[in-house]
C-alpha atoms as a PDB file:
ATOM      1  CA  UNK A   1     -53.392   4.253  31.147  1.00  0.00           C
ATOM      2  CA  UNK A   2     -49.658   3.671  31.437  1.00  0.00           C
ATOM      3  CA  UNK A   3     -48.211   0.501  32.950  1.00  0.00           C
ATOM      4  CA  UNK A   4     -46.880   2.615  35.826  1.00  0.00           C
ATOM      5  CA  UNK A   5     -50.364   4.038  36.510  1.00  0.00           C
ATOM      6  CA  UNK A   6     -51.968   0.596  36.371  1.00  0.00           C
ATOM      7  CA  UNK A   7     -49.601  -0.777  39.009  1.00  0.00           C
ATOM      8  CA  UNK A   8     -49.898   2.101  41.476  1.00  0.00           C
ATOM      9  CA  UNK A   9     -52.489   2.448  44.219  1.00  0.00           C
ATOM     10  CA  UNK A  10     -54.387   5.665  44.826  1.00  0.00           C
ATOM     11  CA  UNK A  11     -53.170   8.127  47.453  1.00  0.00           C
ATOM     12  CA  UNK A  12     -54.107   6.696  50.820  1.00  0.00           C
ATOM     13  CA  UNK A  13     -54.224   3.139  49.416  1.00  0.00           C
ATOM     14  CA  UNK A  14     -57.170   0.803  49.409  1.00  0.00           C
ATOM     15  CA  UNK A  15     -56.765  -0.299  53.038  1.00  0.00           C
ATOM     16  CA  UNK A  16     -58.860  -3.416  53.589  1.00  0.00           C
ATOM     17  CA  UNK A  17     -60.987  -2.721  50.518  1.00  0.00           C
ATOM     18  CA  UNK A  18     -60.582  -3.740  46.914  1.00  0.00           C
ATOM     19  CA  UNK A  19     -60.563  -1.105  44.148  1.00  0.00           C
ATOM     20  CA  UNK A  20     -64.313  -1.732  43.783  1.00  0.00           C
ATOM     21  CA  UNK A  21     -64.900  -0.862  47.444  1.00  0.00           C
ATOM     22  CA  UNK A  22     -65.695  -4.391  48.653  1.00  0.00           C
ATOM     23  CA  UNK A  23     -63.997  -5.603  51.853  1.00  0.00           C
ATOM     24  CA  UNK A  24     -61.094  -7.961  51.137  1.00  0.00           C
ATOM     25  CA  UNK A  25     -60.314  -9.091  54.639  1.00  0.00           C
ATOM     26  CA  UNK A  26     -61.128  -8.471  58.254  1.00  0.00           C
ATOM     27  CA  UNK A  27     -62.067  -4.877  59.004  1.00  0.00           C
ATOM     28  CA  UNK A  28     -59.333  -2.624  60.232  1.00  0.00           C
ATOM     29  CA  UNK A  29     -59.744  -0.842  63.567  1.00  0.00           C
ATOM     30  CA  UNK A  30     -61.601   2.392  63.072  1.00  0.00           C
ATOM     31  CA  UNK A  31     -63.251   1.291  59.786  1.00  0.00           C
ATOM     32  CA  UNK A  32     -66.708   2.829  59.526  1.00  0.00           C
ATOM     33  CA  UNK A  33     -69.361   0.134  59.381  1.00  0.00           C
ATOM     34  CA  UNK A  34     -67.003  -2.582  60.575  1.00  0.00           C
ATOM     35  CA  UNK A  35     -69.650  -4.124  62.792  1.00  0.00           C
ATOM     36  CA  UNK A  36     -72.047  -6.419  60.962  1.00  0.00           C
ATOM     37  CA  UNK A  37     -75.488  -6.991  62.413  1.00  0.00           C
ATOM     38  CA  UNK A  38     -76.377 -10.539  63.338  1.00  0.00           C
ATOM     39  CA  UNK A  39     -78.737 -12.164  60.883  1.00  0.00           C
ATOM     40  CA  UNK A  40     -81.082 -14.885  62.027  1.00  0.00           C
ATOM     41  CA  UNK A  41     -82.868 -17.119  59.523  1.00  0.00           C
ATOM     42  CA  UNK A  42     -86.634 -16.897  59.603  1.00  0.00           C
ATOM     43  CA  UNK A  43     -89.279 -19.176  58.202  1.00  0.00           C
ATOM     44  CA  UNK A  44     -91.106 -17.777  55.168  1.00  0.00           C
ATOM     45  CA  UNK A  45     -94.476 -16.172  55.791  1.00  0.00           C
ATOM     46  CA  UNK A  46     -96.018 -18.368  53.138  1.00  0.00           C
ATOM     47  CA  UNK A  47     -95.149 -20.993  50.583  1.00  0.00           C
ATOM     48  CA  UNK A  48     -96.973 -21.745  47.382  1.00  0.00           C
ATOM     49  CA  UNK A  49     -97.028 -24.781  45.142  1.00  0.00           C
ATOM     50  CA  UNK A  50     -98.119 -24.262  41.531  1.00  0.00           C
ATOM     51  CA  UNK A  51     -99.925 -27.030  39.642  1.00  0.00           C
ATOM     52  CA  UNK A  52     -99.576 -26.022  35.995  1.00  0.00           C
ATOM     53  CA  UNK A  53    -101.720 -28.883  34.718  1.00  0.00           C
ATOM     54  CA  UNK A  54    -104.752 -28.004  36.860  1.00  0.00           C
ATOM     55  CA  UNK A  55    -104.253 -24.236  36.977  1.00  0.00           C
ATOM     56  CA  UNK A  56    -104.201 -24.157  40.748  1.00  0.00           C
ATOM     57  CA  UNK A  57    -101.930 -22.849  43.474  1.00  0.00           C
ATOM     58  CA  UNK A  58    -101.727 -24.342  46.968  1.00  0.00           C
ATOM     59  CA  UNK A  59    -100.856 -21.843  49.709  1.00  0.00           C
ATOM     60  CA  UNK A  60     -99.526 -22.593  53.188  1.00  0.00           C
ATOM     61  CA  UNK A  61     -98.817 -20.073  55.924  1.00  0.00           C
ATOM     62  CA  UNK A  62     -99.892 -16.442  56.154  1.00  0.00           C
ATOM     63  CA  UNK A  63    -100.645 -14.552  52.959  1.00  0.00           C
ATOM     64  CA  UNK A  64    -100.167 -10.778  53.221  1.00  0.00           C
ATOM     65  CA  UNK A  65    -100.399  -8.054  50.551  1.00  0.00           C
ATOM     66  CA  UNK A  66     -96.856  -8.629  49.261  1.00  0.00           C
ATOM     67  CA  UNK A  67     -97.367 -12.390  49.092  1.00  0.00           C
ATOM     68  CA  UNK A  68    -100.682 -11.887  47.300  1.00  0.00           C
ATOM     69  CA  UNK A  69     -98.990  -9.691  44.702  1.00  0.00           C
ATOM     70  CA  UNK A  70     -96.419 -12.429  44.091  1.00  0.00           C
ATOM     71  CA  UNK A  71     -99.251 -14.933  43.868  1.00  0.00           C
ATOM     72  CA  UNK A  72    -100.957 -12.731  41.268  1.00  0.00           C
ATOM     73  CA  UNK A  73     -97.882 -12.989  39.052  1.00  0.00           C
ATOM     74  CA  UNK A  74     -98.173 -16.791  39.151  1.00  0.00           C
ATOM     75  CA  UNK A  75    -101.902 -16.656  38.446  1.00  0.00           C
ATOM     76  CA  UNK A  76    -101.381 -14.369  35.449  1.00  0.00           C
ATOM     77  CA  UNK A  77     -98.720 -16.789  34.168  1.00  0.00           C
ATOM     78  CA  UNK A  78    -101.190 -19.693  34.485  1.00  0.00           C
ATOM     79  CA  UNK A  79    -103.735 -17.655  32.529  1.00  0.00           C
ATOM     80  CA  UNK A  80    -101.141 -17.031  29.816  1.00  0.00           C
ATOM     81  CA  UNK A  81    -100.621 -20.799  29.655  1.00  0.00           C
ATOM     82  CA  UNK A  82    -104.266 -20.993  28.589  1.00  0.00           C
ATOM     83  CA  UNK A  83    -106.123 -21.709  31.836  1.00  0.00           C
ATOM     84  CA  UNK A  84    -109.584 -20.180  32.008  1.00  0.00           C
ATOM     85  CA  UNK A  85    -110.360 -21.460  35.525  1.00  0.00           C
ATOM     86  CA  UNK A  86    -107.801 -20.725  38.255  1.00  0.00           C
ATOM     87  CA  UNK A  87    -107.930 -21.897  41.854  1.00  0.00           C
ATOM     88  CA  UNK A  88    -106.065 -20.700  44.940  1.00  0.00           C
ATOM     89  CA  UNK A  89    -106.341 -23.308  47.703  1.00  0.00           C
ATOM     90  CA  UNK A  90    -105.571 -22.134  51.230  1.00  0.00           C
ATOM     91  CA  UNK A  91    -104.346 -25.226  53.050  1.00  0.00           C
ATOM     92  CA  UNK A  92    -105.525 -25.916  56.623  1.00  0.00           C
ATOM     93  CA  UNK A  93    -104.089 -23.355  59.022  1.00  0.00           C
ATOM     94  CA  UNK A  94    -103.346 -20.980  56.110  1.00  0.00           C
ATOM     95  CA  UNK A  95    -104.542 -17.411  56.533  1.00  0.00           C
ATOM     96  CA  UNK A  96    -104.972 -14.420  54.263  1.00  0.00           C
ATOM     97  CA  UNK A  97    -105.291 -10.935  55.690  1.00  0.00           C
ATOM     98  CA  UNK A  98    -107.760  -8.339  54.391  1.00  0.00           C
ATOM     99  CA  UNK A  99    -105.210  -6.649  52.125  1.00  0.00           C
ATOM    100  CA  UNK A 100    -104.268  -9.981  50.525  1.00  0.00           C
ATOM    101  CA  UNK A 101    -107.915 -10.809  49.895  1.00  0.00           C
ATOM    102  CA  UNK A 102    -108.426  -7.353  48.354  1.00  0.00           C
ATOM    103  CA  UNK A 103    -105.478  -7.893  45.985  1.00  0.00           C
ATOM    104  CA  UNK A 104    -106.857 -11.279  44.902  1.00  0.00           C
ATOM    105  CA  UNK A 105    -110.399  -9.900  44.555  1.00  0.00           C
ATOM    106  CA  UNK A 106    -109.080  -7.113  42.332  1.00  0.00           C
ATOM    107  CA  UNK A 107    -107.220  -9.646  40.184  1.00  0.00           C
ATOM    108  CA  UNK A 108    -110.358 -11.808  39.937  1.00  0.00           C
ATOM    109  CA  UNK A 109    -112.314  -8.802  38.642  1.00  0.00           C
ATOM    110  CA  UNK A 110    -109.634  -7.996  36.051  1.00  0.00           C
ATOM    111  CA  UNK A 111    -109.408 -11.614  34.900  1.00  0.00           C
ATOM    112  CA  UNK A 112    -113.203 -11.869  34.669  1.00  0.00           C
ATOM    113  CA  UNK A 113    -113.153  -9.289  31.860  1.00  0.00           C
ATOM    114  CA  UNK A 114    -111.178 -11.910  29.861  1.00  0.00           C
ATOM    115  CA  UNK A 115    -113.621 -14.672  30.807  1.00  0.00           C
ATOM    116  CA  UNK A 116    -111.320 -16.198  33.443  1.00  0.00           C
ATOM    117  CA  UNK A 117    -112.734 -17.502  36.722  1.00  0.00           C
ATOM    118  CA  UNK A 118    -110.600 -17.257  39.880  1.00  0.00           C
ATOM    119  CA  UNK A 119    -111.687 -19.260  42.935  1.00  0.00           C
ATOM    120  CA  UNK A 120    -110.250 -18.717  46.398  1.00  0.00           C
ATOM    121  CA  UNK A 121    -110.896 -21.764  48.601  1.00  0.00           C
END
């Protein structure tokens, strides 16, 4: 590209956007998508604390299918660290819906083929 081409802007200019398409300033009147939806912070559905030494995970809050799948990743990692007995402890007021329990039950069955015990308390 020539120096002249590098210093020129495309026909129509960039407007309020950078060459990569990201906004560089306040939106111009008439810009499509200039209104941004309000975002409100929400508390997480669940939190989990992993105890690598004991091979256990403490769960607080509500555990749904997605959360259970994330929890499975942590349990598999604990198994890879050499744990043969894994425990998921639901703290008082913690809940797990039917789909979450099914995900964990399925994982327990798969781990059992490797001689690993998974307890849900």
